[in-house]
Amino acid sequence: FSKPQERMPKKRRNNGRSRTNGGGSRPSQCTNCQRCVGKDKAVKRYQVRNMVDASAKKDIQDVSVYEEYTLPKFYMKTLYCVSCAIHSKVVRVRNQDVRKIRFTTKKRATAEEKEQQIKQAKKRAEKQKTEAEAKVKAAEAAKTEAAVAPSAPAAPVEQPAAPVVKAQCQFDFSTNNLHILTILH
């Protein structure tokens, strides 16, 4: 007989990709190193920057004929492969418990919110660990009780008698309704 194969540990719920039963995803290139990476696996960031830096912006506004002229902005969607995103600190390596917390690019959590989420994740992990330990201890205690106590026939447990139900029905022809009157004894 062969041993059942042990499964490899799963690091992430979605295996690092966002495709859900959709087959392969089209490749896109990392903006930093031009590496081909799946569009669902790439780390995506949307950058909105001013075309002119802050020091030149003031000079342009002083010289400009228009009083209220908003300078155009530079909109760029950047896609990073995982190694470039970690190297350029777009994303960071996180602990196993904290890895389960998901941040969206639309709303960035503040530092305090992140700390609260991390604390909650650690509490959940500790709680799950203590519950698992309690289950193991209970199972061990049950095994030792079964080994020590001789098997005696269990006394039959008496079940309470079921209540007798008497039902009466009346049909009202004027409204076409059936009235059911149940009486328990």
C-alpha atoms as a PDB file:
ATOM      1  CA  PHE A   1       0.000   0.000   0.000  1.00  0.00           C
ATOM      2  CA  SER A   2       1.245   3.430  -0.849  1.00  0.00           C
ATOM      3  CA  LYS A   3       1.078   6.373   1.494  1.00  0.00           C
ATOM      4  CA  PRO A   4      -1.429   9.074   0.569  1.00  0.00           C
ATOM      5  CA  GLN A   5       0.414  12.039  -0.890  1.00  0.00           C
ATOM      6  CA  GLU A   6       0.710  15.059   1.366  1.00  0.00           C
ATOM      7  CA  ARG A   7      -0.480  18.261  -0.204  1.00  0.00           C
ATOM      8  CA  MET A   8       1.852  21.183  -0.539  1.00  0.00           C
ATOM      9  CA  PRO A   9       0.986  24.114   1.731  1.00  0.00           C
ATOM     10  CA  LYS A  10      -1.103  26.753   0.020  1.00  0.00           C
ATOM     11  CA  LYS A  11       0.338  30.203   0.493  1.00  0.00           C
ATOM     12  CA  ARG A  12      -2.528  32.283  -0.885  1.00  0.00           C
ATOM     13  CA  ARG A  13      -6.251  31.698  -1.278  1.00  0.00           C
ATOM     14  CA  ASN A  14      -6.174  32.709  -4.945  1.00  0.00           C
ATOM     15  CA  ASN A  15      -2.679  31.300  -5.705  1.00  0.00           C
ATOM     16  CA  GLY A  16      -1.447  34.834  -6.439  1.00  0.00           C
ATOM     17  CA  ARG A  17      -3.790  35.318  -9.375  1.00  0.00           C
ATOM     18  CA  SER A  18      -7.237  36.811  -9.803  1.00  0.00           C
ATOM     19  CA  ARG A  19      -8.479  34.468 -12.508  1.00  0.00           C
ATOM     20  CA  THR A  20     -11.320  32.363 -11.182  1.00  0.00           C
ATOM     21  CA  ASN A  21     -11.889  29.357 -13.395  1.00  0.00           C
ATOM     22  CA  GLY A  22     -11.372  31.492 -16.477  1.00  0.00           C
ATOM     23  CA  GLY A  23      -8.505  29.636 -18.117  1.00  0.00           C
ATOM     24  CA  GLY A  24      -5.366  31.559 -18.944  1.00  0.00           C
ATOM     25  CA  SER A  25      -5.173  35.325 -18.902  1.00  0.00           C
ATOM     26  CA  ARG A  26      -3.567  37.470 -21.539  1.00  0.00           C
ATOM     27  CA  PRO A  27       0.036  38.435 -20.848  1.00  0.00           C
ATOM     28  CA  SER A  28       1.073  41.992 -20.237  1.00  0.00           C
ATOM     29  CA  GLN A  29       4.519  43.502 -19.811  1.00  0.00           C
ATOM     30  CA  CYS A  30       6.016  44.888 -16.637  1.00  0.00           C
ATOM     31  CA  THR A  31       6.617  48.645 -17.035  1.00  0.00           C
ATOM     32  CA  ASN A  32       9.926  48.328 -15.198  1.00  0.00           C
ATOM     33  CA  CYS A  33      11.666  45.267 -16.662  1.00  0.00           C
ATOM     34  CA  GLN A  34       9.413  44.330 -19.630  1.00  0.00           C
ATOM     35  CA  ARG A  35       8.876  40.848 -18.250  1.00  0.00           C
ATOM     36  CA  CYS A  36       5.792  39.001 -19.508  1.00  0.00           C
ATOM     37  CA  VAL A  37       3.396  38.542 -16.612  1.00  0.00           C
ATOM     38  CA  GLY A  38      -0.266  37.525 -16.620  1.00  0.00           C
ATOM     39  CA  LYS A  39      -2.608  40.496 -16.479  1.00  0.00           C
ATOM     40  CA  ASP A  40      -4.361  39.032 -13.451  1.00  0.00           C
ATOM     41  CA  LYS A  41      -1.095  38.394 -11.602  1.00  0.00           C
ATOM     42  CA  ALA A  42       0.507  41.765 -12.285  1.00  0.00           C
ATOM     43  CA  VAL A  43       0.504  44.387  -9.533  1.00  0.00           C
ATOM     44  CA  LYS A  44      -1.473  47.285 -10.955  1.00  0.00           C
ATOM     45  CA  ARG A  45      -1.157  50.900  -9.837  1.00  0.00           C
ATOM     46  CA  TYR A  46      -2.770  53.984 -11.312  1.00  0.00           C
ATOM     47  CA  GLN A  47      -0.543  57.068 -11.099  1.00  0.00           C
ATOM     48  CA  VAL A  48      -1.878  60.602 -11.404  1.00  0.00           C
ATOM     49  CA  ARG A  49       0.907  63.194 -11.451  1.00  0.00           C
ATOM     50  CA  ASN A  50       1.243  66.809 -12.481  1.00  0.00           C
ATOM     51  CA  MET A  51       3.095  67.301 -15.767  1.00  0.00           C
ATOM     52  CA  VAL A  52       5.106  70.063 -14.188  1.00  0.00           C
ATOM     53  CA  ASP A  53       6.861  69.852 -10.840  1.00  0.00           C
ATOM     54  CA  ALA A  54       5.824  72.131  -7.953  1.00  0.00           C
ATOM     55  CA  SER A  55       8.655  74.681  -8.334  1.00  0.00           C
ATOM     56  CA  ALA A  56       8.007  75.242 -12.052  1.00  0.00           C
ATOM     57  CA  LYS A  57       4.240  75.239 -11.551  1.00  0.00           C
ATOM     58  CA  LYS A  58       4.367  78.480  -9.545  1.00  0.00           C
ATOM     59  CA  ASP A  59       6.559  80.183 -12.185  1.00  0.00           C
ATOM     60  CA  ILE A  60       4.178  79.136 -14.987  1.00  0.00           C
ATOM     61  CA  GLN A  61       1.145  80.456 -13.085  1.00  0.00           C
ATOM     62  CA  ASP A  62       2.879  83.807 -12.477  1.00  0.00           C
ATOM     63  CA  VAL A  63       3.754  84.262 -16.172  1.00  0.00           C
ATOM     64  CA  SER A  64       0.465  82.859 -17.532  1.00  0.00           C
ATOM     65  CA  VAL A  65      -2.119  85.156 -19.138  1.00  0.00           C
ATOM     66  CA  TYR A  66      -5.003  83.080 -17.793  1.00  0.00           C
ATOM     67  CA  GLU A  67      -5.825  83.645 -14.149  1.00  0.00           C
ATOM     68  CA  GLU A  68      -7.323  80.276 -13.376  1.00  0.00           C
ATOM     69  CA  TYR A  69      -5.663  77.736 -15.594  1.00  0.00           C
ATOM     70  CA  THR A  70      -5.312  74.207 -14.326  1.00  0.00           C
ATOM     71  CA  LEU A  71      -2.246  72.481 -15.663  1.00  0.00           C
ATOM     72  CA  PRO A  72      -2.882  69.103 -17.263  1.00  0.00           C
ATOM     73  CA  LYS A  73      -2.099  65.974 -15.306  1.00  0.00           C
ATOM     74  CA  PHE A  74      -0.259  62.882 -16.329  1.00  0.00           C
ATOM     75  CA  TYR A  75      -2.366  59.694 -16.013  1.00  0.00           C
ATOM     76  CA  MET A  76      -0.485  56.423 -16.212  1.00  0.00           C
ATOM     77  CA  LYS A  77      -1.448  52.868 -15.355  1.00  0.00           C
ATOM     78  CA  THR A  78       1.617  50.917 -14.343  1.00  0.00           C
ATOM     79  CA  LEU A  79       1.831  47.126 -14.290  1.00  0.00           C
ATOM     80  CA  TYR A  80       4.606  45.485 -12.297  1.00  0.00           C
ATOM     81  CA  CYS A  81       5.738  41.893 -12.127  1.00  0.00           C
ATOM     82  CA  VAL A  82       5.849  40.595  -8.554  1.00  0.00           C
ATOM     83  CA  SER A  83       9.644  40.822  -8.229  1.00  0.00           C
ATOM     84  CA  CYS A  84       9.748  44.449  -9.466  1.00  0.00           C
ATOM     85  CA  ALA A  85       6.818  45.405  -7.224  1.00  0.00           C
ATOM     86  CA  ILE A  86       8.640  44.029  -4.178  1.00  0.00           C
ATOM     87  CA  HIS A  87      11.988  45.545  -5.227  1.00  0.00           C
ATOM     88  CA  SER A  88      10.524  49.012  -5.781  1.00  0.00           C
ATOM     89  CA  LYS A  89       8.484  48.682  -2.537  1.00  0.00           C
ATOM     90  CA  VAL A  90       5.107  48.988  -4.250  1.00  0.00           C
ATOM     91  CA  VAL A  91       4.092  45.937  -2.228  1.00  0.00           C
ATOM     92  CA  ARG A  92       5.863  44.398   0.747  1.00  0.00           C
ATOM     93  CA  VAL A  93       6.431  40.884   2.002  1.00  0.00           C
ATOM     94  CA  ARG A  94       3.926  40.222   4.760  1.00  0.00           C
ATOM     95  CA  ASN A  95       3.545  37.775   7.616  1.00  0.00           C
ATOM     96  CA  GLN A  96       1.417  34.648   7.159  1.00  0.00           C
ATOM     97  CA  ASP A  97      -1.456  36.027   9.278  1.00  0.00           C
ATOM     98  CA  VAL A  98      -1.324  39.504   7.772  1.00  0.00           C
ATOM     99  CA  ARG A  99      -1.185  38.095   4.228  1.00  0.00           C
ATOM    100  CA  LYS A 100      -4.902  37.318   4.421  1.00  0.00           C
ATOM    101  CA  ILE A 101      -5.817  41.021   4.706  1.00  0.00           C
ATOM    102  CA  ARG A 102      -6.689  42.390   1.284  1.00  0.00           C
ATOM    103  CA  PHE A 103      -6.107  46.008   0.311  1.00  0.00           C
ATOM    104  CA  THR A 104      -7.699  47.486  -2.768  1.00  0.00           C
ATOM    105  CA  THR A 105      -6.038  50.132  -4.866  1.00  0.00           C
ATOM    106  CA  LYS A 106      -9.151  52.306  -4.793  1.00  0.00           C
ATOM    107  CA  LYS A 107      -9.064  53.049  -1.073  1.00  0.00           C
ATOM    108  CA  ARG A 108      -5.778  52.870   0.758  1.00  0.00           C
ATOM    109  CA  ALA A 109      -6.073  52.091   4.434  1.00  0.00           C
ATOM    110  CA  THR A 110      -4.388  54.514   6.827  1.00  0.00           C
ATOM    111  CA  ALA A 111      -1.581  53.305   9.075  1.00  0.00           C
ATOM    112  CA  GLU A 112      -3.933  53.038  12.072  1.00  0.00           C
ATOM    113  CA  GLU A 113      -6.485  50.998  10.104  1.00  0.00           C
ATOM    114  CA  LYS A 114      -3.719  48.689   8.892  1.00  0.00           C
ATOM    115  CA  GLU A 115      -2.502  48.193  12.478  1.00  0.00           C
ATOM    116  CA  GLN A 116      -6.053  47.406  13.625  1.00  0.00           C
ATOM    117  CA  GLN A 117      -6.520  44.910  10.806  1.00  0.00           C
ATOM    118  CA  ILE A 118      -3.179  43.284  11.643  1.00  0.00           C
ATOM    119  CA  LYS A 119      -4.150  43.016  15.323  1.00  0.00           C
ATOM    120  CA  GLN A 120      -7.520  41.497  14.401  1.00  0.00           C
ATOM    121  CA  ALA A 121      -5.836  38.981  12.103  1.00  0.00           C
ATOM    122  CA  LYS A 122      -3.391  37.987  14.847  1.00  0.00           C
ATOM    123  CA  LYS A 123      -6.235  37.603  17.363  1.00  0.00           C
ATOM    124  CA  ARG A 124      -8.152  35.415  14.900  1.00  0.00           C
ATOM    125  CA  ALA A 125      -5.068  33.274  14.333  1.00  0.00           C
ATOM    126  CA  GLU A 126      -4.481  32.889  18.093  1.00  0.00           C
ATOM    127  CA  LYS A 127      -8.138  32.008  18.648  1.00  0.00           C
ATOM    128  CA  GLN A 128      -8.050  29.367  15.919  1.00  0.00           C
ATOM    129  CA  LYS A 129      -4.852  27.967  17.384  1.00  0.00           C
ATOM    130  CA  THR A 130      -6.304  27.706  20.905  1.00  0.00           C
ATOM    131  CA  GLU A 131      -9.495  26.101  19.548  1.00  0.00           C
ATOM    132  CA  ALA A 132      -7.434  23.538  17.646  1.00  0.00           C
ATOM    133  CA  GLU A 133      -5.373  22.779  20.773  1.00  0.00           C
ATOM    134  CA  ALA A 134      -8.567  22.388  22.831  1.00  0.00           C
ATOM    135  CA  LYS A 135      -9.976  19.943  20.256  1.00  0.00           C
ATOM    136  CA  VAL A 136      -6.763  17.908  20.334  1.00  0.00           C
ATOM    137  CA  LYS A 137      -6.808  17.798  24.148  1.00  0.00           C
ATOM    138  CA  ALA A 138     -10.471  16.754  24.173  1.00  0.00           C
ATOM    139  CA  ALA A 139      -9.761  13.984  21.657  1.00  0.00           C
ATOM    140  CA  GLU A 140      -6.818  12.735  23.737  1.00  0.00           C
ATOM    141  CA  ALA A 141      -8.939  12.802  26.898  1.00  0.00           C
ATOM    142  CA  ALA A 142     -11.672  10.816  25.155  1.00  0.00           C
ATOM    143  CA  LYS A 143      -9.112   8.222  24.009  1.00  0.00           C
ATOM    144  CA  THR A 144      -7.714   7.791  27.519  1.00  0.00           C
ATOM    145  CA  GLU A 145     -11.234   7.472  28.982  1.00  0.00           C
ATOM    146  CA  ALA A 146     -12.139   4.835  26.421  1.00  0.00           C
ATOM    147  CA  ALA A 147      -8.949   2.909  27.176  1.00  0.00           C
ATOM    148  CA  VAL A 148      -9.362   3.081  30.992  1.00  0.00           C
ATOM    149  CA  ALA A 149     -13.118   2.560  31.385  1.00  0.00           C
ATOM    150  CA  PRO A 150     -14.406  -0.939  30.598  1.00  0.00           C
ATOM    151  CA  SER A 151     -17.091  -1.047  28.001  1.00  0.00           C
ATOM    152  CA  ALA A 152     -20.413  -1.361  29.825  1.00  0.00           C
ATOM    153  CA  PRO A 153     -23.772  -1.595  28.130  1.00  0.00           C
ATOM    154  CA  ALA A 154     -25.344   1.819  27.972  1.00  0.00           C
ATOM    155  CA  ALA A 155     -28.668   2.275  29.738  1.00  0.00           C
ATOM    156  CA  PRO A 156     -31.528   2.934  27.340  1.00  0.00           C
ATOM    157  CA  VAL A 157     -32.561   6.561  27.309  1.00  0.00           C
ATOM    158  CA  GLU A 158     -36.281   7.144  27.634  1.00  0.00           C
ATOM    159  CA  GLN A 159     -37.679   9.558  25.115  1.00  0.00           C
ATOM    160  CA  PRO A 160     -40.652  11.697  26.050  1.00  0.00           C
ATOM    161  CA  ALA A 161     -43.912  10.664  24.510  1.00  0.00           C
ATOM    162  CA  ALA A 162     -44.973  12.645  21.467  1.00  0.00           C
ATOM    163  CA  PRO A 163     -48.032  14.865  22.029  1.00  0.00           C
ATOM    164  CA  VAL A 164     -51.286  13.702  20.518  1.00  0.00           C
ATOM    165  CA  VAL A 165     -52.631  16.181  17.998  1.00  0.00           C
ATOM    166  CA  LYS A 166     -56.318  16.515  17.318  1.00  0.00           C
ATOM    167  CA  ALA A 167     -57.196  18.709  14.376  1.00  0.00           C
ATOM    168  CA  GLN A 168     -60.476  20.220  13.336  1.00  0.00           C
ATOM    169  CA  CYS A 169     -61.101  21.845   9.966  1.00  0.00           C
ATOM    170  CA  GLN A 170     -63.871  24.212   8.911  1.00  0.00           C
ATOM    171  CA  PHE A 171     -64.492  25.490   5.400  1.00  0.00           C
ATOM    172  CA  ASP A 172     -66.093  28.917   5.062  1.00  0.00           C
ATOM    173  CA  PHE A 173     -68.021  28.945   1.777  1.00  0.00           C
ATOM    174  CA  SER A 174     -68.644  32.701   1.793  1.00  0.00           C
ATOM    175  CA  THR A 175     -64.940  33.593   1.722  1.00  0.00           C
ATOM    176  CA  ASN A 176     -63.599  30.283   0.323  1.00  0.00           C
ATOM    177  CA  ASN A 177     -61.179  29.928   3.255  1.00  0.00           C
ATOM    178  CA  LEU A 178     -60.229  26.764   5.093  1.00  0.00           C
ATOM    179  CA  HIS A 179     -59.882  27.302   8.871  1.00  0.00           C
ATOM    180  CA  ILE A 180     -57.744  24.701  10.626  1.00  0.00           C
ATOM    181  CA  LEU A 181     -58.105  24.489  14.399  1.00  0.00           C
ATOM    182  CA  THR A 182     -55.474  22.329  16.084  1.00  0.00           C
ATOM    183  CA  ILE A 183     -55.743  21.290  19.695  1.00  0.00           C
ATOM    184  CA  LEU A 184     -52.824  19.664  21.512  1.00  0.00           C
ATOM    185  CA  HIS A 185     -53.466  17.124  24.284  1.00  0.00           C
END
